[in-house]
C-alpha atoms as a PDB file:
ATOM      1  CA  MET A   1       0.000   0.000   0.000  1.00  0.00           C
ATOM      2  CA  LEU A   2       1.358   3.408  -0.995  1.00  0.00           C
ATOM      3  CA  ASN A   3       0.462   6.542   0.908  1.00  0.00           C
ATOM      4  CA  ALA A   4       0.863   9.537  -1.447  1.00  0.00           C
ATOM      5  CA  PHE A   5       0.669  13.074  -0.082  1.00  0.00           C
ATOM      6  CA  PHE A   6      -1.997  15.024  -1.917  1.00  0.00           C
ATOM      7  CA  GLY A   7      -3.419  18.455  -1.221  1.00  0.00           C
ATOM      8  CA  GLY A   8      -2.745  18.338   2.511  1.00  0.00           C
ATOM      9  CA  LYS A   9      -4.384  14.890   2.945  1.00  0.00           C
ATOM     10  CA  HIS A  10      -3.221  11.323   2.539  1.00  0.00           C
ATOM     11  CA  HIS A  11      -4.916   9.194  -0.115  1.00  0.00           C
ATOM     12  CA  GLU A  12      -4.238   5.494  -0.462  1.00  0.00           C
ATOM     13  CA  HIS A  13      -3.421   4.172  -3.938  1.00  0.00           C
ATOM     14  CA  LYS A  14      -3.049   0.485  -4.597  1.00  0.00           C
ATOM     15  CA  GLN A  15      -0.020  -0.021  -6.768  1.00  0.00           C
ATOM     16  CA  HIS A  16      -1.681  -2.103  -9.507  1.00  0.00           C
ATOM     17  CA  GLY A  17       1.378  -1.485 -11.680  1.00  0.00           C
ATOM     18  CA  ASN A  18       1.359   2.279 -11.121  1.00  0.00           C
ATOM     19  CA  ASN A  19       5.064   2.923 -11.549  1.00  0.00           C
ATOM     20  CA  VAL A  20       5.236   5.832 -14.006  1.00  0.00           C
ATOM     21  CA  VAL A  21       5.958   9.407 -12.989  1.00  0.00           C
ATOM     22  CA  ALA A  22       4.936  11.765 -15.793  1.00  0.00           C
ATOM     23  CA  LEU A  23       7.220  14.758 -16.336  1.00  0.00           C
ATOM     24  CA  ILE A  24       6.010  17.961 -17.987  1.00  0.00           C
ATOM     25  CA  THR A  25       8.689  20.546 -18.779  1.00  0.00           C
ATOM     26  CA  MET A  26       7.580  24.174 -18.493  1.00  0.00           C
ATOM     27  CA  LYS A  27      10.463  26.237 -19.776  1.00  0.00           C
ATOM     28  CA  GLY A  28      10.708  29.814 -21.000  1.00  0.00           C
ATOM     29  CA  SER A  29       8.297  32.742 -20.954  1.00  0.00           C
ATOM     30  CA  VAL A  30       4.557  32.125 -20.964  1.00  0.00           C
ATOM     31  CA  GLU A  31       3.177  33.644 -24.131  1.00  0.00           C
ATOM     32  CA  GLU A  32       0.615  32.923 -26.801  1.00  0.00           C
ATOM     33  CA  SER A  33       1.956  31.905 -30.206  1.00  0.00           C
ATOM     34  CA  ASP A  34       0.613  31.314 -33.714  1.00  0.00           C
ATOM     35  CA  ALA A  35       3.274  28.687 -34.348  1.00  0.00           C
ATOM     36  CA  GLU A  36       1.495  25.761 -32.681  1.00  0.00           C
ATOM     37  CA  GLY A  37       2.603  22.415 -33.991  1.00  0.00           C
ATOM     38  CA  ILE A  38       4.884  23.620 -36.767  1.00  0.00           C
ATOM     39  CA  THR A  39       8.171  23.820 -34.893  1.00  0.00           C
ATOM     40  CA  ALA A  40       9.975  21.378 -32.654  1.00  0.00           C
ATOM     41  CA  LYS A  41      10.395  24.094 -30.045  1.00  0.00           C
ATOM     42  CA  GLN A  42       8.030  23.755 -27.086  1.00  0.00           C
ATOM     43  CA  GLU A  43       5.841  26.821 -26.704  1.00  0.00           C
ATOM     44  CA  LEU A  44       4.741  27.573 -23.146  1.00  0.00           C
ATOM     45  CA  ASN A  45       1.091  28.569 -23.412  1.00  0.00           C
ATOM     46  CA  PHE A  46      -2.266  27.011 -22.656  1.00  0.00           C
ATOM     47  CA  ARG A  47      -2.954  25.773 -26.169  1.00  0.00           C
ATOM     48  CA  THR A  48       0.208  23.683 -26.396  1.00  0.00           C
ATOM     49  CA  THR A  49       0.628  22.768 -22.722  1.00  0.00           C
ATOM     50  CA  LYS A  50      -2.977  21.546 -22.397  1.00  0.00           C
ATOM     51  CA  ARG A  51      -2.205  18.534 -24.603  1.00  0.00           C
ATOM     52  CA  LEU A  52       0.802  17.619 -22.476  1.00  0.00           C
ATOM     53  CA  ILE A  53      -1.211  17.837 -19.267  1.00  0.00           C
ATOM     54  CA  GLU A  54      -4.017  15.694 -20.671  1.00  0.00           C
ATOM     55  CA  GLU A  55      -1.562  13.062 -21.886  1.00  0.00           C
ATOM     56  CA  ALA A  56       0.311  12.986 -18.556  1.00  0.00           C
ATOM     57  CA  PHE A  57      -2.764  12.374 -16.403  1.00  0.00           C
ATOM     58  CA  ALA A  58      -4.293   9.963 -18.927  1.00  0.00           C
ATOM     59  CA  LEU A  59      -1.442   7.459 -18.591  1.00  0.00           C
ATOM     60  CA  PRO A  60      -3.031   4.283 -17.203  1.00  0.00           C
ATOM     61  CA  ASN A  61      -0.164   3.553 -14.813  1.00  0.00           C
ATOM     62  CA  VAL A  62       0.697   7.107 -13.721  1.00  0.00           C
ATOM     63  CA  LEU A  63       1.670   7.392 -10.074  1.00  0.00           C
ATOM     64  CA  ALA A  64       2.368  11.137  -9.936  1.00  0.00           C
ATOM     65  CA  VAL A  65       2.985  14.117 -12.211  1.00  0.00           C
ATOM     66  CA  ILE A  66       5.936  16.495 -11.945  1.00  0.00           C
ATOM     67  CA  MET A  67       6.127  19.978 -13.437  1.00  0.00           C
ATOM     68  CA  ASN A  68       9.776  20.749 -14.212  1.00  0.00           C
ATOM     69  CA  ILE A  69       9.712  24.553 -14.163  1.00  0.00           C
ATOM     70  CA  ASN A  70      12.205  27.107 -15.412  1.00  0.00           C
ATOM     71  CA  CYS A  71      10.068  30.164 -16.105  1.00  0.00           C
ATOM     72  CA  PRO A  72      10.406  33.954 -15.631  1.00  0.00           C
ATOM     73  CA  GLY A  73       6.669  34.587 -16.103  1.00  0.00           C
ATOM     74  CA  GLY A  74       4.786  36.124 -18.998  1.00  0.00           C
ATOM     75  CA  SER A  75       1.134  36.370 -19.972  1.00  0.00           C
ATOM     76  CA  PRO A  76      -1.126  36.413 -16.874  1.00  0.00           C
ATOM     77  CA  ALA A  77      -4.063  34.958 -18.807  1.00  0.00           C
ATOM     78  CA  GLN A  78      -2.068  32.068 -20.279  1.00  0.00           C
ATOM     79  CA  THR A  79      -0.461  31.403 -16.889  1.00  0.00           C
ATOM     80  CA  ASN A  80      -3.812  31.264 -15.122  1.00  0.00           C
ATOM     81  CA  LEU A  81      -5.302  28.965 -17.762  1.00  0.00           C
ATOM     82  CA  ILE A  82      -2.422  26.499 -17.434  1.00  0.00           C
ATOM     83  CA  ALA A  83      -2.385  26.583 -13.617  1.00  0.00           C
ATOM     84  CA  LYS A  84      -6.138  26.071 -13.283  1.00  0.00           C
ATOM     85  CA  PHE A  85      -6.258  23.275 -15.849  1.00  0.00           C
ATOM     86  CA  ILE A  86      -3.404  21.221 -14.410  1.00  0.00           C
ATOM     87  CA  ARG A  87      -4.833  21.668 -10.903  1.00  0.00           C
ATOM     88  CA  GLU A  88      -8.252  20.467 -12.088  1.00  0.00           C
ATOM     89  CA  ARG A  89      -6.750  17.393 -13.722  1.00  0.00           C
ATOM     90  CA  ALA A  90      -4.809  16.550 -10.549  1.00  0.00           C
ATOM     91  CA  ASP A  91      -7.979  16.862  -8.457  1.00  0.00           C
ATOM     92  CA  GLU A  92     -10.034  14.771 -10.878  1.00  0.00           C
ATOM     93  CA  THR A  93      -7.518  11.928 -11.084  1.00  0.00           C
ATOM     94  CA  LYS A  94      -6.453  12.134  -7.430  1.00  0.00           C
ATOM     95  CA  ARG A  95      -2.800  11.967  -8.393  1.00  0.00           C
ATOM     96  CA  PRO A  96      -0.066  13.973  -6.642  1.00  0.00           C
ATOM     97  CA  LEU A  97       1.255  16.970  -8.544  1.00  0.00           C
ATOM     98  CA  TYR A  98       4.751  18.223  -7.709  1.00  0.00           C
ATOM     99  CA  ALA A  99       6.703  21.234  -8.974  1.00  0.00           C
ATOM    100  CA  VAL A 100      10.482  21.000  -9.274  1.00  0.00           C
ATOM    101  CA  VAL A 101      12.176  24.305 -10.074  1.00  0.00           C
ATOM    102  CA  GLU A 102      15.473  24.622 -11.923  1.00  0.00           C
ATOM    103  CA  ASP A 103      16.871  28.159 -12.306  1.00  0.00           C
ATOM    104  CA  ALA A 104      13.745  30.160 -11.609  1.00  0.00           C
ATOM    105  CA  ALA A 105      10.014  30.182 -11.028  1.00  0.00           C
ATOM    106  CA  VAL A 106       9.308  33.871 -10.640  1.00  0.00           C
ATOM    107  CA  SER A 107       6.241  36.000 -11.289  1.00  0.00           C
ATOM    108  CA  GLY A 108       4.018  33.896 -13.577  1.00  0.00           C
ATOM    109  CA  GLY A 109       6.479  31.027 -13.215  1.00  0.00           C
ATOM    110  CA  TYR A 110       5.734  30.944  -9.489  1.00  0.00           C
ATOM    111  CA  TRP A 111       2.016  31.201 -10.264  1.00  0.00           C
ATOM    112  CA  LEU A 112       2.413  27.954 -12.231  1.00  0.00           C
ATOM    113  CA  ALA A 113       4.402  26.295  -9.444  1.00  0.00           C
ATOM    114  CA  CYS A 114       1.674  27.062  -6.921  1.00  0.00           C
ATOM    115  CA  ALA A 115      -0.709  24.770  -8.802  1.00  0.00           C
ATOM    116  CA  ALA A 116       1.306  21.865  -7.375  1.00  0.00           C
ATOM    117  CA  ASP A 117       0.772  20.134  -4.051  1.00  0.00           C
ATOM    118  CA  GLU A 118       4.415  20.738  -3.205  1.00  0.00           C
ATOM    119  CA  ILE A 119       7.162  22.978  -4.592  1.00  0.00           C
ATOM    120  CA  HIS A 120      10.767  21.780  -4.493  1.00  0.00           C
ATOM    121  CA  ILE A 121      13.721  23.877  -5.589  1.00  0.00           C
ATOM    122  CA  ASP A 122      17.486  23.781  -6.077  1.00  0.00           C
ATOM    123  CA  PRO A 123      19.644  25.552  -3.458  1.00  0.00           C
ATOM    124  CA  ASN A 124      20.326  28.155  -6.165  1.00  0.00           C
ATOM    125  CA  SER A 125      16.804  28.425  -7.580  1.00  0.00           C
ATOM    126  CA  MET A 126      15.136  31.835  -7.522  1.00  0.00           C
ATOM    127  CA  VAL A 127      11.420  31.961  -6.711  1.00  0.00           C
ATOM    128  CA  GLY A 128       8.826  34.587  -5.864  1.00  0.00           C
ATOM    129  CA  SER A 129       8.511  37.991  -7.522  1.00  0.00           C
ATOM    130  CA  VAL A 130       4.807  38.020  -6.739  1.00  0.00           C
ATOM    131  CA  GLY A 131       3.468  41.006  -8.633  1.00  0.00           C
ATOM    132  CA  VAL A 132       2.520  42.480 -11.999  1.00  0.00           C
ATOM    133  CA  ILE A 133       4.421  44.961 -14.142  1.00  0.00           C
ATOM    134  CA  SER A 134       3.482  47.086 -17.144  1.00  0.00           C
ATOM    135  CA  GLN A 135       6.197  49.048 -18.856  1.00  0.00           C
ATOM    136  CA  ASN A 136       7.285  50.812 -22.029  1.00  0.00           C
ATOM    137  CA  VAL A 137       9.491  53.740 -23.018  1.00  0.00           C
ATOM    138  CA  GLY A 138       8.131  57.190 -23.781  1.00  0.00           C
ATOM    139  CA  VAL A 139       9.751  58.922 -26.748  1.00  0.00           C
ATOM    140  CA  ASN A 140       7.463  61.939 -27.117  1.00  0.00           C
ATOM    141  CA  GLU A 141       9.984  64.479 -25.797  1.00  0.00           C
ATOM    142  CA  GLY A 142      12.765  63.091 -27.948  1.00  0.00           C
ATOM    143  CA  LEU A 143      10.578  63.282 -31.027  1.00  0.00           C
ATOM    144  CA  GLY A 144       9.616  66.840 -30.151  1.00  0.00           C
ATOM    145  CA  ASN A 145      13.268  67.848 -29.845  1.00  0.00           C
ATOM    146  CA  ALA A 146      13.861  66.331 -33.278  1.00  0.00           C
ATOM    147  CA  GLY A 147      10.993  68.322 -34.762  1.00  0.00           C
ATOM    148  CA  VAL A 148       8.747  65.296 -35.180  1.00  0.00           C
ATOM    149  CA  GLU A 149       5.074  65.693 -34.343  1.00  0.00           C
ATOM    150  CA  PRO A 150       3.075  62.457 -33.760  1.00  0.00           C
ATOM    151  CA  ARG A 151      -0.456  62.631 -35.202  1.00  0.00           C
ATOM    152  CA  ILE A 152      -2.738  60.075 -33.563  1.00  0.00           C
ATOM    153  CA  ILE A 153      -6.497  60.096 -34.081  1.00  0.00           C
ATOM    154  CA  THR A 154      -8.782  57.878 -31.994  1.00  0.00           C
ATOM    155  CA  SER A 155     -12.540  57.422 -31.808  1.00  0.00           C
ATOM    156  CA  VAL A 156     -12.593  57.351 -28.007  1.00  0.00           C
ATOM    157  CA  GLU A 157     -10.723  59.011 -25.171  1.00  0.00           C
ATOM    158  CA  HIS A 158      -8.487  56.252 -23.850  1.00  0.00           C
ATOM    159  CA  LYS A 159      -7.822  54.259 -27.040  1.00  0.00           C
ATOM    160  CA  ALA A 160      -4.195  55.420 -27.223  1.00  0.00           C
ATOM    161  CA  GLY A 161      -3.333  54.726 -23.602  1.00  0.00           C
ATOM    162  CA  MET A 162       0.335  53.866 -22.929  1.00  0.00           C
ATOM    163  CA  ASN A 163       1.246  55.049 -26.431  1.00  0.00           C
ATOM    164  CA  PRO A 164       4.979  55.854 -26.283  1.00  0.00           C
ATOM    165  CA  LEU A 165       4.481  58.696 -28.764  1.00  0.00           C
ATOM    166  CA  LEU A 166       2.224  60.604 -26.389  1.00  0.00           C
ATOM    167  CA  LYS A 167       2.797  62.180 -22.985  1.00  0.00           C
ATOM    168  CA  PHE A 168       1.883  59.801 -20.158  1.00  0.00           C
ATOM    169  CA  ASP A 169      -0.388  61.756 -17.832  1.00  0.00           C
ATOM    170  CA  GLU A 170      -1.662  60.999 -14.337  1.00  0.00           C
ATOM    171  CA  GLU A 171      -5.085  59.848 -15.521  1.00  0.00           C
ATOM    172  CA  GLU A 172      -3.599  57.242 -17.861  1.00  0.00           C
ATOM    173  CA  GLU A 173      -1.272  56.067 -15.105  1.00  0.00           C
ATOM    174  CA  LYS A 174      -4.270  55.604 -12.803  1.00  0.00           C
ATOM    175  CA  LEU A 175      -6.099  53.500 -15.406  1.00  0.00           C
ATOM    176  CA  VAL A 176      -3.077  51.308 -16.087  1.00  0.00           C
ATOM    177  CA  ARG A 177      -2.499  50.834 -12.368  1.00  0.00           C
ATOM    178  CA  GLU A 178      -6.113  49.749 -11.893  1.00  0.00           C
ATOM    179  CA  ASN A 179      -5.674  47.081 -14.530  1.00  0.00           C
ATOM    180  CA  ILE A 180      -2.451  45.661 -13.153  1.00  0.00           C
ATOM    181  CA  MET A 181      -3.831  45.709  -9.600  1.00  0.00           C
ATOM    182  CA  THR A 182      -6.776  43.613 -10.808  1.00  0.00           C
ATOM    183  CA  ILE A 183      -4.362  41.030 -12.200  1.00  0.00           C
ATOM    184  CA  HIS A 184      -2.276  41.266  -9.028  1.00  0.00           C
ATOM    185  CA  GLY A 185      -5.400  40.549  -6.993  1.00  0.00           C
ATOM    186  CA  ASN A 186      -6.082  37.433  -9.054  1.00  0.00           C
ATOM    187  CA  PHE A 187      -2.504  36.291  -8.429  1.00  0.00           C
ATOM    188  CA  ILE A 188      -2.863  36.835  -4.681  1.00  0.00           C
ATOM    189  CA  ASP A 189      -6.199  35.000  -4.578  1.00  0.00           C
ATOM    190  CA  PHE A 190      -4.584  31.962  -6.184  1.00  0.00           C
ATOM    191  CA  LEU A 191      -1.736  32.027  -3.654  1.00  0.00           C
ATOM    192  CA  LYS A 192      -4.195  32.275  -0.763  1.00  0.00           C
ATOM    193  CA  GLN A 193      -6.027  29.266  -2.135  1.00  0.00           C
ATOM    194  CA  ARG A 194      -2.954  27.131  -2.814  1.00  0.00           C
ATOM    195  CA  ARG A 195      -0.574  28.231  -0.030  1.00  0.00           C
ATOM    196  CA  PRO A 196      -2.741  29.642   2.773  1.00  0.00           C
ATOM    197  CA  GLU A 197      -0.177  29.137   5.545  1.00  0.00           C
ATOM    198  CA  MET A 198       2.418  31.159   3.644  1.00  0.00           C
ATOM    199  CA  MET A 199      -0.035  33.974   2.987  1.00  0.00           C
ATOM    200  CA  LYS A 200      -1.000  34.117   6.685  1.00  0.00           C
ATOM    201  CA  GLY A 201       2.575  33.830   7.915  1.00  0.00           C
ATOM    202  CA  PRO A 202       4.979  36.499   9.170  1.00  0.00           C
ATOM    203  CA  HIS A 203       6.680  36.848   5.773  1.00  0.00           C
ATOM    204  CA  ALA A 204       3.517  37.410   3.717  1.00  0.00           C
ATOM    205  CA  LYS A 205       4.050  41.170   3.400  1.00  0.00           C
ATOM    206  CA  ASP A 206       7.581  40.746   2.054  1.00  0.00           C
ATOM    207  CA  ILE A 207       6.458  37.989  -0.308  1.00  0.00           C
ATOM    208  CA  MET A 208       3.701  40.197  -1.749  1.00  0.00           C
ATOM    209  CA  SER A 209       6.157  43.071  -2.243  1.00  0.00           C
ATOM    210  CA  GLY A 210       7.595  41.427  -5.356  1.00  0.00           C
ATOM    211  CA  ARG A 211      10.764  40.247  -3.652  1.00  0.00           C
ATOM    212  CA  MET A 212      12.600  37.181  -4.941  1.00  0.00           C
ATOM    213  CA  TYR A 213      14.144  34.533  -2.682  1.00  0.00           C
ATOM    214  CA  VAL A 214      16.815  31.896  -3.275  1.00  0.00           C
ATOM    215  CA  GLY A 215      17.159  28.343  -1.968  1.00  0.00           C
ATOM    216  CA  GLU A 216      16.952  27.853   1.786  1.00  0.00           C
ATOM    217  CA  MET A 217      15.547  31.328   2.359  1.00  0.00           C
ATOM    218  CA  ALA A 218      12.672  30.575  -0.025  1.00  0.00           C
ATOM    219  CA  VAL A 219      11.882  27.451   1.971  1.00  0.00           C
ATOM    220  CA  GLU A 220      12.117  29.388   5.242  1.00  0.00           C
ATOM    221  CA  VAL A 221       9.541  32.014   4.201  1.00  0.00           C
ATOM    222  CA  GLY A 222       7.205  29.374   2.761  1.00  0.00           C
ATOM    223  CA  LEU A 223       7.614  29.930  -0.963  1.00  0.00           C
ATOM    224  CA  ALA A 224       8.926  26.369  -1.353  1.00  0.00           C
ATOM    225  CA  ASP A 225       8.504  23.126   0.576  1.00  0.00           C
ATOM    226  CA  GLY A 226      12.020  21.768   0.289  1.00  0.00           C
ATOM    227  CA  LEU A 227      15.270  21.444  -1.593  1.00  0.00           C
ATOM    228  CA  ALA A 228      15.242  18.628  -4.120  1.00  0.00           C
ATOM    229  CA  SER A 229      15.875  17.661  -7.719  1.00  0.00           C
ATOM    230  CA  ILE A 230      13.563  15.313  -9.582  1.00  0.00           C
ATOM    231  CA  SER A 231      15.575  12.243  -8.616  1.00  0.00           C
ATOM    232  CA  THR A 232      15.999  13.180  -4.938  1.00  0.00           C
ATOM    233  CA  LEU A 233      12.311  14.073  -4.686  1.00  0.00           C
ATOM    234  CA  LEU A 234      11.318  10.632  -5.977  1.00  0.00           C
ATOM    235  CA  ASP A 235      13.749   9.000  -3.546  1.00  0.00           C
ATOM    236  CA  LYS A 236      12.081  10.874  -0.691  1.00  0.00           C
ATOM    237  CA  LYS A 237       8.517  10.207  -1.780  1.00  0.00           C
ATOM    238  CA  TYR A 238       8.882   6.598  -2.832  1.00  0.00           C
ATOM    239  CA  PRO A 239      11.960   5.196  -1.043  1.00  0.00           C
ATOM    240  CA  LYS A 240      10.908   1.545  -1.374  1.00  0.00           C
ATOM    241  CA  ARG A 241      10.010   1.696  -5.044  1.00  0.00           C
ATOM    242  CA  ASP A 242      12.772   0.439  -7.345  1.00  0.00           C
ATOM    243  CA  ASP A 243      10.494   0.100 -10.369  1.00  0.00           C
ATOM    244  CA  LEU A 244       9.736   3.793 -10.972  1.00  0.00           C
ATOM    245  CA  GLN A 245       9.996   5.127 -14.508  1.00  0.00           C
ATOM    246  CA  VAL A 246      10.074   8.824 -15.352  1.00  0.00           C
ATOM    247  CA  MET A 247       8.292   9.507 -18.637  1.00  0.00           C
ATOM    248  CA  GLU A 248       8.735  12.971 -20.109  1.00  0.00           C
ATOM    249  CA  ILE A 249       5.679  14.126 -22.025  1.00  0.00           C
ATOM    250  CA  LYS A 250       6.991  16.032 -25.030  1.00  0.00           C
ATOM    251  CA  PRO A 251       5.242  18.180 -27.643  1.00  0.00           C
ATOM    252  CA  LYS A 252       4.667  16.543 -31.004  1.00  0.00           C
ATOM    253  CA  PRO A 253       5.497  18.766 -33.994  1.00  0.00           C
ATOM    254  CA  GLN A 254       3.616  18.120 -37.193  1.00  0.00           C
ATOM    255  CA  GLY A 255       5.288  15.602 -39.438  1.00  0.00           C
ATOM    256  CA  GLY A 256       5.267  14.853 -43.128  1.00  0.00           C
ATOM    257  CA  LEU A 257       4.661  17.324 -45.929  1.00  0.00           C
ATOM    258  CA  LEU A 258       2.210  19.466 -43.930  1.00  0.00           C
ATOM    259  CA  GLY A 259       4.713  19.879 -41.128  1.00  0.00           C
ATOM    260  CA  LEU A 260       7.493  20.750 -43.581  1.00  0.00           C
ATOM    261  CA  VAL A 261       5.353  23.363 -45.330  1.00  0.00           C
ATOM    262  CA  GLY A 262       4.272  24.763 -41.973  1.00  0.00           C
ATOM    263  CA  ARG A 263       7.848  25.109 -40.781  1.00  0.00           C
ATOM    264  CA  MET A 264       8.877  26.769 -44.063  1.00  0.00           C
ATOM    265  CA  VAL A 265       6.032  29.276 -43.788  1.00  0.00           C
ATOM    266  CA  TYR A 266       6.783  29.971 -40.144  1.00  0.00           C
ATOM    267  CA  PHE A 267      10.509  30.531 -40.562  1.00  0.00           C
ATOM    268  CA  GLY A 268       9.923  32.472 -43.797  1.00  0.00           C
ATOM    269  CA  THR A 269       7.594  34.789 -41.901  1.00  0.00           C
ATOM    270  CA  GLN A 270      10.171  35.289 -39.160  1.00  0.00           C
ATOM    271  CA  ILE A 271      12.881  36.144 -41.716  1.00  0.00           C
ATOM    272  CA  ALA A 272      10.533  38.554 -43.520  1.00  0.00           C
ATOM    273  CA  ARG A 273       9.770  40.318 -40.252  1.00  0.00           C
ATOM    274  CA  GLN A 274      13.462  40.717 -39.520  1.00  0.00           C
ATOM    275  CA  MET A 275      14.160  42.019 -43.035  1.00  0.00           C
ATOM    276  CA  ASN A 276      11.291  44.505 -42.830  1.00  0.00           C
ATOM    277  CA  GLY A 277      12.726  45.780 -39.580  1.00  0.00           C
ATOM    278  CA  VAL A 278      16.192  46.188 -41.098  1.00  0.00           C
ATOM    279  CA  LEU A 279      14.854  47.919 -44.233  1.00  0.00           C
ATOM    280  CA  GLY A 280      12.720  50.202 -42.119  1.00  0.00           C
ATOM    281  CA  GLU A 281      15.725  51.231 -40.073  1.00  0.00           C
ATOM    282  CA  LEU A 282      17.816  51.789 -43.208  1.00  0.00           C
ATOM    283  CA  GLU A 283      15.102  53.970 -44.707  1.00  0.00           C
ATOM    284  CA  ARG A 284      14.877  55.899 -41.468  1.00  0.00           C
ATOM    285  CA  LEU A 285      18.591  56.566 -41.745  1.00  0.00           C
ATOM    286  CA  ASP A 286      18.068  57.496 -45.436  1.00  0.00           C
ATOM    287  CA  VAL A 287      20.526  54.810 -46.546  1.00  0.00           C
ATOM    288  CA  VAL A 288      18.304  52.869 -48.934  1.00  0.00           C
ATOM    289  CA  ARG A 289      17.215  55.989 -50.809  1.00  0.00           C
ATOM    290  CA  SER A 290      20.638  57.629 -50.893  1.00  0.00           C
ATOM    291  CA  PRO A 291      22.093  58.202 -54.390  1.00  0.00           C
ATOM    292  CA  ARG A 292      25.102  56.300 -55.655  1.00  0.00           C
ATOM    293  CA  PRO A 293      28.509  57.789 -54.731  1.00  0.00           C
ATOM    294  CA  GLU A 294      29.108  59.283 -58.212  1.00  0.00           C
ATOM    295  CA  ALA A 295      25.676  60.898 -58.270  1.00  0.00           C
ATOM    296  CA  LEU A 296      26.287  62.320 -54.823  1.00  0.00           C
ATOM    297  CA  TYR A 297      29.653  63.730 -56.037  1.00  0.00           C
ATOM    298  CA  LEU A 298      27.970  65.493 -58.983  1.00  0.00           C
ATOM    299  CA  GLN A 299      25.289  66.888 -56.716  1.00  0.00           C
ATOM    300  CA  LYS A 300      27.930  68.374 -54.423  1.00  0.00           C
ATOM    301  CA  LEU A 301      29.678  69.973 -57.420  1.00  0.00           C
ATOM    302  CA  ARG A 302      26.426  71.605 -58.561  1.00  0.00           C
ATOM    303  CA  GLU A 303      25.773  72.952 -55.080  1.00  0.00           C
ATOM    304  CA  SER A 304      29.282  74.446 -54.913  1.00  0.00           C
ATOM    305  CA  GLY A 305      28.905  76.221 -58.278  1.00  0.00           C
ATOM    306  CA  ARG A 306      31.965  74.509 -59.697  1.00  0.00           C
ATOM    307  CA  THR A 307      32.183  73.290 -63.290  1.00  0.00           C
ATOM    308  CA  ILE A 308      31.009  69.719 -63.804  1.00  0.00           C
ATOM    309  CA  PRO A 309      33.675  67.755 -65.707  1.00  0.00           C
ATOM    310  CA  THR A 310      32.603  66.113 -68.942  1.00  0.00           C
ATOM    311  CA  LYS A 311      34.124  63.314 -70.964  1.00  0.00           C
END
């Protein structure tokens, strides 16, 4: 009989051949992408990760599921969708869900980790950064000094909010802050639900300040439950099991002709975007439209009033 820790309670699972630990890698920034299925690169968003989660919990002999996380955050919506879905699947199947952090699980990456029953980190892992940020760079004064006047026409008052070409006034700042505080509140609500002791503890204020913690200190304040890698975690959880198999659930890129065409279109689009950016910058610098050197030489002669040599 195996006693597996799950959601603060102990549930008994008869072994019945359950010897597979499913591993889902969550690496990189969380962001939506139009490139689903046409590259071998794993995209970290709900659309692509959902398939991995479903496959992991659908394994007939799955004993537990591990999220291997190395994530700096990203889209709040995509993060929330992933976290809620994997938590729902763990609850439905009554299988333990663990998070093992490599370099970092910060901001949205920590949001993902909190979907797990337990969070385990490396002594050098960085976790936390509970908060939301919205940022860009205003260039309106620089454009004004260069004699450039932005002309932006909108149908409604706040359509051009956070536009870097316009002055950022107090009213716009208030509106942006309201939005990010709403997302921040959703983040906090999830933490209160998943890690209530941490959020009621003496370090809650510091945790909610956006601070990041490393290793032992993260465990001390309650952001993590222990220091462990995947292998050491399995040794701790199932010390008498010598038949465990770790199965990594990987994304499946499209194959055959359709996959090849898809990859060609995708990479062609990326190259075109880069080229458009380069050409745009060259035109801005007036390089593309500049005359040839000999034409420029003749132009300078005309401007100086000197005689233009002929053959």
